[in-house]
PDB file of N, CA and C in Angstrom:
ATOM      1  N   UNK A   1       0.709  -1.251   0.180  1.00  0.00           N
ATOM      2  CA  UNK A   1      -0.030  -0.049  -0.337  1.00  0.00           C
ATOM      3  C   UNK A   1       0.729   1.348   0.158  1.00  0.00           C
ATOM      4  N   UNK A   2       0.574   2.370  -0.730  1.00  0.00           N
ATOM      5  CA  UNK A   2       1.465   3.814  -1.123  1.00  0.00           C
ATOM      6  C   UNK A   2       1.023   4.561   0.258  1.00  0.00           C
ATOM      7  N   UNK A   3       1.910   5.635   0.396  1.00  0.00           N
ATOM      8  CA  UNK A   3       1.407   6.419   1.578  1.00  0.00           C
ATOM      9  C   UNK A   3       0.179   7.294   1.027  1.00  0.00           C
ATOM     10  N   UNK A   4      -0.076   7.712   0.075  1.00  0.00           N
ATOM     11  CA  UNK A   4      -1.189   8.056  -0.081  1.00  0.00           C
ATOM     12  C   UNK A   4      -3.006   7.660   0.204  1.00  0.00           C
ATOM     13  N   UNK A   5      -2.691   6.243   0.234  1.00  0.00           N
ATOM     14  CA  UNK A   5      -3.593   5.618   0.493  1.00  0.00           C
ATOM     15  C   UNK A   5      -4.254   5.527   2.143  1.00  0.00           C
ATOM     16  N   UNK A   6      -5.519   5.844   2.287  1.00  0.00           N
ATOM     17  CA  UNK A   6      -5.968   5.200   3.821  1.00  0.00           C
ATOM     18  C   UNK A   6      -5.658   3.787   4.463  1.00  0.00           C
ATOM     19  N   UNK A   7      -5.522   3.685   5.857  1.00  0.00           N
ATOM     20  CA  UNK A   7      -5.286   2.279   6.162  1.00  0.00           C
ATOM     21  C   UNK A   7      -6.471   1.439   6.512  1.00  0.00           C
ATOM     22  N   UNK A   8      -7.461   2.421   6.263  1.00  0.00           N
ATOM     23  CA  UNK A   8      -8.659   1.358   6.361  1.00  0.00           C
ATOM     24  C   UNK A   8     -10.229   1.889   4.774  1.00  0.00           C
ATOM     25  N   UNK A   9     -10.989   1.537   4.960  1.00  0.00           N
ATOM     26  CA  UNK A   9     -11.894   1.915   4.056  1.00  0.00           C
ATOM     27  C   UNK A   9     -12.837   2.860   4.352  1.00  0.00           C
ATOM     28  N   UNK A  10     -13.988   3.012   3.426  1.00  0.00           N
ATOM     29  CA  UNK A  10     -14.867   3.523   3.782  1.00  0.00           C
ATOM     30  C   UNK A  10     -15.890   2.956   5.291  1.00  0.00           C
ATOM     31  N   UNK A  11     -16.191   1.851   4.599  1.00  0.00           N
ATOM     32  CA  UNK A  11     -17.252   0.620   5.690  1.00  0.00           C
ATOM     33  C   UNK A  11     -16.464   0.733   7.027  1.00  0.00           C
ATOM     34  N   UNK A  12     -15.010   0.664   6.910  1.00  0.00           N
ATOM     35  CA  UNK A  12     -14.383   0.285   8.284  1.00  0.00           C
ATOM     36  C   UNK A  12     -14.994   1.605   9.149  1.00  0.00           C
ATOM     37  N   UNK A  13     -14.636   2.562   8.389  1.00  0.00           N
ATOM     38  CA  UNK A  13     -14.450   4.278   9.059  1.00  0.00           C
ATOM     39  C   UNK A  13     -16.015   4.298   9.344  1.00  0.00           C
ATOM     40  N   UNK A  14     -17.106   3.843   8.758  1.00  0.00           N
ATOM     41  CA  UNK A  14     -18.802   4.192   9.218  1.00  0.00           C
ATOM     42  C   UNK A  14     -18.622   3.190  10.225  1.00  0.00           C
ATOM     43  N   UNK A  15     -18.125   2.044  10.142  1.00  0.00           N
ATOM     44  CA  UNK A  15     -18.718   1.163  11.433  1.00  0.00           C
ATOM     45  C   UNK A  15     -18.155   1.606  12.782  1.00  0.00           C
ATOM     46  N   UNK A  16     -16.567   1.900  12.463  1.00  0.00           N
ATOM     47  CA  UNK A  16     -16.010   2.722  13.755  1.00  0.00           C
ATOM     48  C   UNK A  16     -16.697   3.778  14.106  1.00  0.00           C
ATOM     49  N   UNK A  17     -17.059   4.629  13.337  1.00  0.00           N
ATOM     50  CA  UNK A  17     -18.080   5.905  13.653  1.00  0.00           C
ATOM     51  C   UNK A  17     -19.143   5.312  14.151  1.00  0.00           C
ATOM     52  N   UNK A  18     -19.957   4.376  14.113  1.00  0.00           N
ATOM     53  CA  UNK A  18     -21.381   4.059  14.638  1.00  0.00           C
ATOM     54  C   UNK A  18     -20.992   3.604  15.848  1.00  0.00           C
ATOM     55  N   UNK A  19     -19.836   3.304  16.188  1.00  0.00           N
ATOM     56  CA  UNK A  19     -20.013   2.923  17.602  1.00  0.00           C
ATOM     57  C   UNK A  19     -19.466   3.896  18.842  1.00  0.00           C
ATOM     58  N   UNK A  20     -19.039   4.901  17.984  1.00  0.00           N
ATOM     59  CA  UNK A  20     -18.508   6.379  19.121  1.00  0.00           C
ATOM     60  C   UNK A  20     -19.706   6.796  19.762  1.00  0.00           C
ATOM     61  N   UNK A  21     -19.369   7.320  20.957  1.00  0.00           N
ATOM     62  CA  UNK A  21     -20.213   8.340  21.767  1.00  0.00           C
ATOM     63  C   UNK A  21     -21.107   9.363  21.076  1.00  0.00           C
ATOM     64  N   UNK A  22     -20.657   9.693  19.973  1.00  0.00           N
ATOM     65  CA  UNK A  22     -21.176  11.283  19.232  1.00  0.00           C
ATOM     66  C   UNK A  22     -21.390  10.458  17.634  1.00  0.00           C
ATOM     67  N   UNK A  23     -21.857   9.345  17.533  1.00  0.00           N
ATOM     68  CA  UNK A  23     -21.977   8.776  16.342  1.00  0.00           C
ATOM     69  C   UNK A  23     -23.044   9.605  15.239  1.00  0.00           C
ATOM     70  N   UNK A  24     -24.055  10.218  16.269  1.00  0.00           N
ATOM     71  CA  UNK A  24     -24.993  10.881  15.643  1.00  0.00           C
ATOM     72  C   UNK A  24     -24.492  12.517  15.033  1.00  0.00           C
ATOM     73  N   UNK A  25     -23.316  12.793  15.608  1.00  0.00           N
ATOM     74  CA  UNK A  25     -23.066  14.208  15.069  1.00  0.00           C
ATOM     75  C   UNK A  25     -23.143  14.448  13.470  1.00  0.00           C
ATOM     76  N   UNK A  26     -23.178  13.573  12.488  1.00  0.00           N
ATOM     77  CA  UNK A  26     -23.207  14.221  11.378  1.00  0.00           C
ATOM     78  C   UNK A  26     -24.573  13.998  10.665  1.00  0.00           C
ATOM     79  N   UNK A  27     -25.542  13.016  11.110  1.00  0.00           N
ATOM     80  CA  UNK A  27     -27.078  13.067  10.629  1.00  0.00           C
ATOM     81  C   UNK A  27     -27.390  14.552  10.826  1.00  0.00           C
ATOM     82  N   UNK A  28     -28.455  14.763   9.591  1.00  0.00           N
ATOM     83  CA  UNK A  28     -28.998  15.771   9.455  1.00  0.00           C
ATOM     84  C   UNK A  28     -30.431  15.848  10.069  1.00  0.00           C
ATOM     85  N   UNK A  29     -30.879  15.223  10.988  1.00  0.00           N
ATOM     86  CA  UNK A  29     -31.983  15.477  11.562  1.00  0.00           C
ATOM     87  C   UNK A  29     -32.495  16.827  12.269  1.00  0.00           C
ATOM     88  N   UNK A  30     -31.230  17.841  12.240  1.00  0.00           N
ATOM     89  CA  UNK A  30     -31.718  18.897  12.695  1.00  0.00           C
ATOM     90  C   UNK A  30     -32.616  19.943  11.806  1.00  0.00           C
ATOM     91  N   UNK A  31     -32.267  19.731  10.580  1.00  0.00           N
ATOM     92  CA  UNK A  31     -32.965  20.235   9.488  1.00  0.00           C
ATOM     93  C   UNK A  31     -34.123  19.898   9.497  1.00  0.00           C
ATOM     94  N   UNK A  32     -34.393  18.569   9.418  1.00  0.00           N
ATOM     95  CA  UNK A  32     -35.953  18.392   9.494  1.00  0.00           C
ATOM     96  C   UNK A  32     -36.908  18.536  10.843  1.00  0.00           C
ATOM     97  N   UNK A  33     -35.978  19.082  11.547  1.00  0.00           N
ATOM     98  CA  UNK A  33     -36.837  19.140  13.040  1.00  0.00           C
ATOM     99  C   UNK A  33     -36.967  21.104  12.919  1.00  0.00           C
ATOM    100  N   UNK A  34     -36.280  21.726  12.320  1.00  0.00           N
ATOM    101  CA  UNK A  34     -36.173  22.961  11.961  1.00  0.00           C
ATOM    102  C   UNK A  34     -37.802  22.853  10.910  1.00  0.00           C
ATOM    103  N   UNK A  35     -38.007  22.459  10.278  1.00  0.00           N
ATOM    104  CA  UNK A  35     -38.960  22.465   9.076  1.00  0.00           C
ATOM    105  C   UNK A  35     -40.084  22.329   9.807  1.00  0.00           C
ATOM    106  N   UNK A  36     -40.212  21.606  11.041  1.00  0.00           N
ATOM    107  CA  UNK A  36     -41.533  21.219  11.616  1.00  0.00           C
ATOM    108  C   UNK A  36     -42.193  22.783  12.405  1.00  0.00           C
ATOM    109  N   UNK A  37     -41.279  23.572  12.444  1.00  0.00           N
ATOM    110  CA  UNK A  37     -41.278  25.104  13.125  1.00  0.00           C
ATOM    111  C   UNK A  37     -42.184  25.741  12.123  1.00  0.00           C
ATOM    112  N   UNK A  38     -42.411  25.004  10.845  1.00  0.00           N
ATOM    113  CA  UNK A  38     -43.086  25.951   9.738  1.00  0.00           C
ATOM    114  C   UNK A  38     -44.998  25.909  10.092  1.00  0.00           C
ATOM    115  N   UNK A  39     -45.215  24.412  10.634  1.00  0.00           N
ATOM    116  CA  UNK A  39     -46.443  23.966  10.995  1.00  0.00           C
ATOM    117  C   UNK A  39     -47.131  25.084  11.422  1.00  0.00           C
ATOM    118  N   UNK A  40     -48.301  25.739  11.082  1.00  0.00           N
ATOM    119  CA  UNK A  40     -49.304  26.470  11.263  1.00  0.00           C
ATOM    120  C   UNK A  40     -48.798  28.002  10.597  1.00  0.00           C
ATOM    121  N   UNK A  41     -47.870  28.379   9.939  1.00  0.00           N
ATOM    122  CA  UNK A  41     -47.393  29.498   9.621  1.00  0.00           C
ATOM    123  C   UNK A  41     -48.153  29.790   8.215  1.00  0.00           C
ATOM    124  N   UNK A  42     -48.343  31.060   8.007  1.00  0.00           N
ATOM    125  CA  UNK A  42     -48.668  31.029   6.771  1.00  0.00           C
ATOM    126  C   UNK A  42     -47.750  30.921   5.483  1.00  0.00           C
ATOM    127  N   UNK A  43     -48.063  31.029   4.195  1.00  0.00           N
ATOM    128  CA  UNK A  43     -47.468  30.526   3.294  1.00  0.00           C
ATOM    129  C   UNK A  43     -48.091  31.165   2.332  1.00  0.00           C
ATOM    130  N   UNK A  44     -47.242  31.488   1.164  1.00  0.00           N
ATOM    131  CA  UNK A  44     -47.267  31.982  -0.632  1.00  0.00           C
ATOM    132  C   UNK A  44     -46.264  31.889  -1.518  1.00  0.00           C
ATOM    133  N   UNK A  45     -46.864  31.641  -2.729  1.00  0.00           N
ATOM    134  CA  UNK A  45     -46.569  30.938  -3.223  1.00  0.00           C
ATOM    135  C   UNK A  45     -45.060  31.841  -3.939  1.00  0.00           C
ATOM    136  N   UNK A  46     -44.102  31.024  -3.807  1.00  0.00           N
ATOM    137  CA  UNK A  46     -42.718  31.510  -4.477  1.00  0.00           C
ATOM    138  C   UNK A  46     -42.123  31.525  -5.799  1.00  0.00           C
ATOM    139  N   UNK A  47     -43.388  31.111  -6.755  1.00  0.00           N
ATOM    140  CA  UNK A  47     -42.494  30.781  -7.944  1.00  0.00           C
ATOM    141  C   UNK A  47     -43.986  30.783  -8.775  1.00  0.00           C
ATOM    142  N   UNK A  48     -44.020  30.696 -10.149  1.00  0.00           N
ATOM    143  CA  UNK A  48     -45.002  30.820 -10.999  1.00  0.00           C
ATOM    144  C   UNK A  48     -46.117  29.841 -10.950  1.00  0.00           C
ATOM    145  N   UNK A  49     -47.108  30.178 -11.545  1.00  0.00           N
ATOM    146  CA  UNK A  49     -48.355  29.593 -11.557  1.00  0.00           C
ATOM    147  C   UNK A  49     -48.125  28.018 -12.380  1.00  0.00           C
ATOM    148  N   UNK A  50     -47.402  28.157 -13.337  1.00  0.00           N
ATOM    149  CA  UNK A  50     -47.062  27.013 -13.706  1.00  0.00           C
ATOM    150  C   UNK A  50     -46.032  26.175 -13.605  1.00  0.00           C
ATOM    151  N   UNK A  51     -45.459  26.723 -12.783  1.00  0.00           N
ATOM    152  CA  UNK A  51     -44.065  25.636 -11.712  1.00  0.00           C
ATOM    153  C   UNK A  51     -45.189  25.060 -10.680  1.00  0.00           C
ATOM    154  N   UNK A  52     -45.732  25.700 -10.281  1.00  0.00           N
ATOM    155  CA  UNK A  52     -46.658  25.071  -9.284  1.00  0.00           C
ATOM    156  C   UNK A  52     -47.699  24.114  -9.514  1.00  0.00           C
ATOM    157  N   UNK A  53     -47.980  24.437 -10.969  1.00  0.00           N
ATOM    158  CA  UNK A  53     -48.938  23.212 -11.317  1.00  0.00           C
ATOM    159  C   UNK A  53     -47.992  21.684 -11.539  1.00  0.00           C
ATOM    160  N   UNK A  54     -46.478  22.099 -12.103  1.00  0.00           N
ATOM    161  CA  UNK A  54     -45.950  20.986 -12.344  1.00  0.00           C
ATOM    162  C   UNK A  54     -45.592  19.939 -10.750  1.00  0.00           C
ATOM    163  N   UNK A  55     -45.509  20.822 -10.024  1.00  0.00           N
ATOM    164  CA  UNK A  55     -44.603  20.183  -8.559  1.00  0.00           C
ATOM    165  C   UNK A  55     -45.750  19.970  -7.450  1.00  0.00           C
ATOM    166  N   UNK A  56     -46.957  20.560  -7.825  1.00  0.00           N
ATOM    167  CA  UNK A  56     -48.042  20.033  -6.611  1.00  0.00           C
ATOM    168  C   UNK A  56     -48.304  18.857  -7.096  1.00  0.00           C
ATOM    169  N   UNK A  57     -48.477  18.318  -5.855  1.00  0.00           N
ATOM    170  CA  UNK A  57     -49.846  17.045  -5.516  1.00  0.00           C
ATOM    171  C   UNK A  57     -50.647  17.112  -4.685  1.00  0.00           C
ATOM    172  N   UNK A  58     -51.553  16.378  -4.967  1.00  0.00           N
ATOM    173  CA  UNK A  58     -53.135  16.486  -4.339  1.00  0.00           C
ATOM    174  C   UNK A  58     -53.656  15.427  -3.696  1.00  0.00           C
ATOM    175  N   UNK A  59     -54.869  15.321  -3.316  1.00  0.00           N
ATOM    176  CA  UNK A  59     -55.550  14.146  -3.252  1.00  0.00           C
ATOM    177  C   UNK A  59     -56.458  13.408  -4.488  1.00  0.00           C
ATOM    178  N   UNK A  60     -56.182  12.441  -4.518  1.00  0.00           N
ATOM    179  CA  UNK A  60     -56.714  11.954  -5.556  1.00  0.00           C
ATOM    180  C   UNK A  60     -58.282  12.326  -6.271  1.00  0.00           C
ATOM    181  N   UNK A  61     -58.961  12.671  -5.188  1.00  0.00           N
ATOM    182  CA  UNK A  61     -60.763  13.133  -5.343  1.00  0.00           C
ATOM    183  C   UNK A  61     -60.663  14.506  -5.430  1.00  0.00           C
ATOM    184  N   UNK A  62     -59.376  15.448  -5.352  1.00  0.00           N
ATOM    185  CA  UNK A  62     -59.504  16.943  -5.856  1.00  0.00           C
ATOM    186  C   UNK A  62     -58.502  17.052  -6.812  1.00  0.00           C
ATOM    187  N   UNK A  63     -57.868  15.938  -7.540  1.00  0.00           N
ATOM    188  CA  UNK A  63     -56.820  16.424  -9.023  1.00  0.00           C
ATOM    189  C   UNK A  63     -57.696  16.864 -10.196  1.00  0.00           C
ATOM    190  N   UNK A  64     -59.057  17.106  -9.844  1.00  0.00           N
ATOM    191  CA  UNK A  64     -59.821  17.743 -11.159  1.00  0.00           C
ATOM    192  C   UNK A  64     -60.097  19.588 -10.494  1.00  0.00           C
ATOM    193  N   UNK A  65     -59.810  19.575  -9.625  1.00  0.00           N
ATOM    194  CA  UNK A  65     -59.591  21.061  -9.278  1.00  0.00           C
ATOM    195  C   UNK A  65     -58.638  21.719  -9.124  1.00  0.00           C
ATOM    196  N   UNK A  66     -57.573  20.975  -9.264  1.00  0.00           N
ATOM    197  CA  UNK A  66     -56.216  21.384  -8.965  1.00  0.00           C
ATOM    198  C   UNK A  66     -55.578  22.790  -9.343  1.00  0.00           C
ATOM    199  N   UNK A  67     -56.352  23.448 -10.495  1.00  0.00           N
ATOM    200  CA  UNK A  67     -56.113  24.431 -11.227  1.00  0.00           C
ATOM    201  C   UNK A  67     -56.137  25.442 -10.361  1.00  0.00           C
ATOM    202  N   UNK A  68     -57.840  25.304  -9.676  1.00  0.00           N
ATOM    203  CA  UNK A  68     -58.235  26.477  -8.982  1.00  0.00           C
ATOM    204  C   UNK A  68     -57.733  26.369  -7.500  1.00  0.00           C
ATOM    205  N   UNK A  69     -57.112  25.243  -7.048  1.00  0.00           N
ATOM    206  CA  UNK A  69     -56.478  25.197  -5.812  1.00  0.00           C
ATOM    207  C   UNK A  69     -55.436  26.142  -6.295  1.00  0.00           C
ATOM    208  N   UNK A  70     -54.415  26.023  -6.978  1.00  0.00           N
ATOM    209  CA  UNK A  70     -53.341  26.744  -6.803  1.00  0.00           C
ATOM    210  C   UNK A  70     -53.857  28.111  -7.226  1.00  0.00           C
ATOM    211  N   UNK A  71     -54.660  28.683  -8.144  1.00  0.00           N
ATOM    212  CA  UNK A  71     -55.585  29.868  -8.166  1.00  0.00           C
ATOM    213  C   UNK A  71     -55.411  30.412  -6.855  1.00  0.00           C
ATOM    214  N   UNK A  72     -56.484  29.728  -5.966  1.00  0.00           N
ATOM    215  CA  UNK A  72     -56.608  30.519  -5.055  1.00  0.00           C
ATOM    216  C   UNK A  72     -55.101  30.731  -3.851  1.00  0.00           C
ATOM    217  N   UNK A  73     -54.491  29.563  -3.887  1.00  0.00           N
ATOM    218  CA  UNK A  73     -53.062  29.620  -3.221  1.00  0.00           C
ATOM    219  C   UNK A  73     -52.212  30.948  -3.748  1.00  0.00           C
ATOM    220  N   UNK A  74     -52.340  31.183  -5.126  1.00  0.00           N
ATOM    221  CA  UNK A  74     -51.703  32.069  -5.400  1.00  0.00           C
ATOM    222  C   UNK A  74     -52.213  33.580  -4.788  1.00  0.00           C
ATOM    223  N   UNK A  75     -53.385  33.550  -4.947  1.00  0.00           N
ATOM    224  CA  UNK A  75     -54.354  35.038  -4.771  1.00  0.00           C
ATOM    225  C   UNK A  75     -54.398  35.285  -2.937  1.00  0.00           C
ATOM    226  N   UNK A  76     -54.644  33.896  -2.517  1.00  0.00           N
ATOM    227  CA  UNK A  76     -54.665  33.998  -0.900  1.00  0.00           C
ATOM    228  C   UNK A  76     -53.461  33.671  -0.157  1.00  0.00           C
ATOM    229  N   UNK A  77     -53.080  32.826  -0.506  1.00  0.00           N
ATOM    230  CA  UNK A  77     -51.870  32.005   0.538  1.00  0.00           C
ATOM    231  C   UNK A  77     -52.504  30.741   1.226  1.00  0.00           C
ATOM    232  N   UNK A  78     -51.697  30.180   1.889  1.00  0.00           N
ATOM    233  CA  UNK A  78     -52.535  29.369   2.738  1.00  0.00           C
ATOM    234  C   UNK A  78     -51.766  29.278   3.922  1.00  0.00           C
ATOM    235  N   UNK A  79     -51.700  28.194   5.054  1.00  0.00           N
ATOM    236  CA  UNK A  79     -51.229  27.954   6.548  1.00  0.00           C
ATOM    237  C   UNK A  79     -50.463  26.435   5.949  1.00  0.00           C
ATOM    238  N   UNK A  80     -49.316  26.232   6.547  1.00  0.00           N
ATOM    239  CA  UNK A  80     -48.586  25.003   6.418  1.00  0.00           C
ATOM    240  C   UNK A  80     -49.235  23.702   7.337  1.00  0.00           C
ATOM    241  N   UNK A  81     -49.673  22.472   7.070  1.00  0.00           N
ATOM    242  CA  UNK A  81     -50.378  22.241   8.449  1.00  0.00           C
ATOM    243  C   UNK A  81     -49.687  20.898   8.216  1.00  0.00           C
ATOM    244  N   UNK A  82     -48.875  20.360   7.689  1.00  0.00           N
ATOM    245  CA  UNK A  82     -47.970  19.155   7.832  1.00  0.00           C
ATOM    246  C   UNK A  82     -46.181  19.622   7.124  1.00  0.00           C
ATOM    247  N   UNK A  83     -45.405  18.417   7.773  1.00  0.00           N
ATOM    248  CA  UNK A  83     -43.973  18.683   6.749  1.00  0.00           C
ATOM    249  C   UNK A  83     -43.527  17.023   6.581  1.00  0.00           C
ATOM    250  N   UNK A  84     -42.997  17.063   5.430  1.00  0.00           N
ATOM    251  CA  UNK A  84     -42.915  15.273   5.537  1.00  0.00           C
ATOM    252  C   UNK A  84     -41.533  16.031   4.482  1.00  0.00           C
ATOM    253  N   UNK A  85     -39.984  15.781   5.602  1.00  0.00           N
ATOM    254  CA  UNK A  85     -38.801  16.182   4.584  1.00  0.00           C
ATOM    255  C   UNK A  85     -38.919  17.553   3.879  1.00  0.00           C
ATOM    256  N   UNK A  86     -38.578  17.710   2.955  1.00  0.00           N
ATOM    257  CA  UNK A  86     -38.710  18.417   1.833  1.00  0.00           C
ATOM    258  C   UNK A  86     -40.244  19.276   1.132  1.00  0.00           C
ATOM    259  N   UNK A  87     -41.131  18.383   1.708  1.00  0.00           N
ATOM    260  CA  UNK A  87     -42.207  18.729   1.148  1.00  0.00           C
ATOM    261  C   UNK A  87     -43.145  19.255   2.108  1.00  0.00           C
ATOM    262  N   UNK A  88     -44.499  20.381   2.052  1.00  0.00           N
ATOM    263  CA  UNK A  88     -44.920  21.029   2.900  1.00  0.00           C
ATOM    264  C   UNK A  88     -46.571  20.899   2.088  1.00  0.00           C
ATOM    265  N   UNK A  89     -47.249  20.148   3.319  1.00  0.00           N
ATOM    266  CA  UNK A  89     -48.372  20.412   3.148  1.00  0.00           C
ATOM    267  C   UNK A  89     -49.172  21.478   3.680  1.00  0.00           C
ATOM    268  N   UNK A  90     -49.970  22.372   2.383  1.00  0.00           N
ATOM    269  CA  UNK A  90     -50.363  23.662   3.069  1.00  0.00           C
ATOM    270  C   UNK A  90     -52.119  23.314   2.745  1.00  0.00           C
ATOM    271  N   UNK A  91     -52.853  24.020   3.385  1.00  0.00           N
ATOM    272  CA  UNK A  91     -53.942  23.912   3.355  1.00  0.00           C
ATOM    273  C   UNK A  91     -54.742  25.554   3.075  1.00  0.00           C
ATOM    274  N   UNK A  92     -55.244  25.495   1.867  1.00  0.00           N
ATOM    275  CA  UNK A  92     -55.737  26.403   1.212  1.00  0.00           C
ATOM    276  C   UNK A  92     -57.286  26.585   1.395  1.00  0.00           C
ATOM    277  N   UNK A  93     -57.577  27.178   1.450  1.00  0.00           N
ATOM    278  CA  UNK A  93     -59.130  27.710   1.800  1.00  0.00           C
ATOM    279  C   UNK A  93     -59.564  26.600   3.122  1.00  0.00           C
ATOM    280  N   UNK A  94     -60.657  26.405   2.841  1.00  0.00           N
ATOM    281  CA  UNK A  94     -60.964  25.617   4.043  1.00  0.00           C
ATOM    282  C   UNK A  94     -60.991  24.246   4.099  1.00  0.00           C
ATOM    283  N   UNK A  95     -60.982  23.692   2.647  1.00  0.00           N
ATOM    284  CA  UNK A  95     -61.176  22.022   2.652  1.00  0.00           C
ATOM    285  C   UNK A  95     -60.028  21.511   1.903  1.00  0.00           C
ATOM    286  N   UNK A  96     -59.231  22.014   1.059  1.00  0.00           N
ATOM    287  CA  UNK A  96     -58.270  21.819   0.387  1.00  0.00           C
ATOM    288  C   UNK A  96     -57.070  21.890   0.930  1.00  0.00           C
ATOM    289  N   UNK A  97     -55.890  20.404   0.954  1.00  0.00           N
ATOM    290  CA  UNK A  97     -54.650  20.827   1.029  1.00  0.00           C
ATOM    291  C   UNK A  97     -53.945  20.460  -0.106  1.00  0.00           C
ATOM    292  N   UNK A  98     -52.784  20.993  -0.215  1.00  0.00           N
ATOM    293  CA  UNK A  98     -51.885  20.651  -1.497  1.00  0.00           C
ATOM    294  C   UNK A  98     -50.435  20.227  -0.817  1.00  0.00           C
ATOM    295  N   UNK A  99     -49.657  19.397  -1.756  1.00  0.00           N
ATOM    296  CA  UNK A  99     -48.653  19.369  -1.314  1.00  0.00           C
ATOM    297  C   UNK A  99     -47.548  20.245  -2.224  1.00  0.00           C
ATOM    298  N   UNK A 100     -46.479  20.691  -1.633  1.00  0.00           N
ATOM    299  CA  UNK A 100     -45.083  21.434  -2.454  1.00  0.00           C
ATOM    300  C   UNK A 100     -44.319  21.260  -2.079  1.00  0.00           C
ATOM    301  N   UNK A 101     -43.126  21.337  -2.824  1.00  0.00           N
ATOM    302  CA  UNK A 101     -41.715  21.622  -2.457  1.00  0.00           C
ATOM    303  C   UNK A 101     -41.164  22.634  -1.922  1.00  0.00           C
ATOM    304  N   UNK A 102     -40.676  22.524  -0.559  1.00  0.00           N
ATOM    305  CA  UNK A 102     -40.216  23.794   0.007  1.00  0.00           C
ATOM    306  C   UNK A 102     -39.803  24.687  -0.635  1.00  0.00           C
ATOM    307  N   UNK A 103     -39.158  24.990  -1.898  1.00  0.00           N
ATOM    308  CA  UNK A 103     -38.433  25.849  -2.648  1.00  0.00           C
ATOM    309  C   UNK A 103     -39.632  26.605  -3.009  1.00  0.00           C
ATOM    310  N   UNK A 104     -40.998  25.950  -3.499  1.00  0.00           N
ATOM    311  CA  UNK A 104     -41.908  26.788  -4.132  1.00  0.00           C
ATOM    312  C   UNK A 104     -43.007  27.605  -3.524  1.00  0.00           C
ATOM    313  N   UNK A 105     -42.330  27.832  -2.037  1.00  0.00           N
ATOM    314  CA  UNK A 105     -43.020  28.189  -1.097  1.00  0.00           C
ATOM    315  C   UNK A 105     -42.447  29.260  -0.062  1.00  0.00           C
ATOM    316  N   UNK A 106     -43.133  30.526  -0.201  1.00  0.00           N
ATOM    317  CA  UNK A 106     -42.783  31.832   0.825  1.00  0.00           C
ATOM    318  C   UNK A 106     -43.342  32.089   2.179  1.00  0.00           C
ATOM    319  N   UNK A 107     -42.715  31.283   3.228  1.00  0.00           N
ATOM    320  CA  UNK A 107     -43.197  31.065   4.475  1.00  0.00           C
ATOM    321  C   UNK A 107     -43.070  32.664   5.116  1.00  0.00           C
ATOM    322  N   UNK A 108     -44.258  33.266   5.845  1.00  0.00           N
ATOM    323  CA  UNK A 108     -44.301  34.442   6.499  1.00  0.00           C
ATOM    324  C   UNK A 108     -44.823  34.130   8.265  1.00  0.00           C
ATOM    325  N   UNK A 109     -43.560  34.100   8.753  1.00  0.00           N
ATOM    326  CA  UNK A 109     -43.565  33.107  10.165  1.00  0.00           C
ATOM    327  C   UNK A 109     -44.200  34.814  10.804  1.00  0.00           C
ATOM    328  N   UNK A 110     -44.987  33.960  12.053  1.00  0.00           N
ATOM    329  CA  UNK A 110     -45.999  35.062  12.950  1.00  0.00           C
ATOM    330  C   UNK A 110     -45.270  34.846  13.912  1.00  0.00           C
ATOM    331  N   UNK A 111     -44.300  33.995  15.026  1.00  0.00           N
ATOM    332  CA  UNK A 111     -43.965  33.989  16.004  1.00  0.00           C
ATOM    333  C   UNK A 111     -42.718  34.715  16.217  1.00  0.00           C
TER     334      UNK A 111
END
């Protein structure tokens, strides 16, 4: 083995790291926990209507009114009701939920 190569493999390093006291140091849980602070906050569109139409997902029973939901969201905004990784569930109006990626949404913090 030459002097430039490490004396252990990546697998061995990960195995060793998992047994250490602070093995969760490199995990990204903090970012996910931070996203949960968005629940209940007011949300507005940050991208165009066409981009929202491409990225939005809704329940199967409301797919036929997706454009109307997007229009209402563009006009009045909504409230974040749930977070799943980088996806936000936004309550629009009184009875519609729309799922959008975080980058499509501007959040106005009230706290």
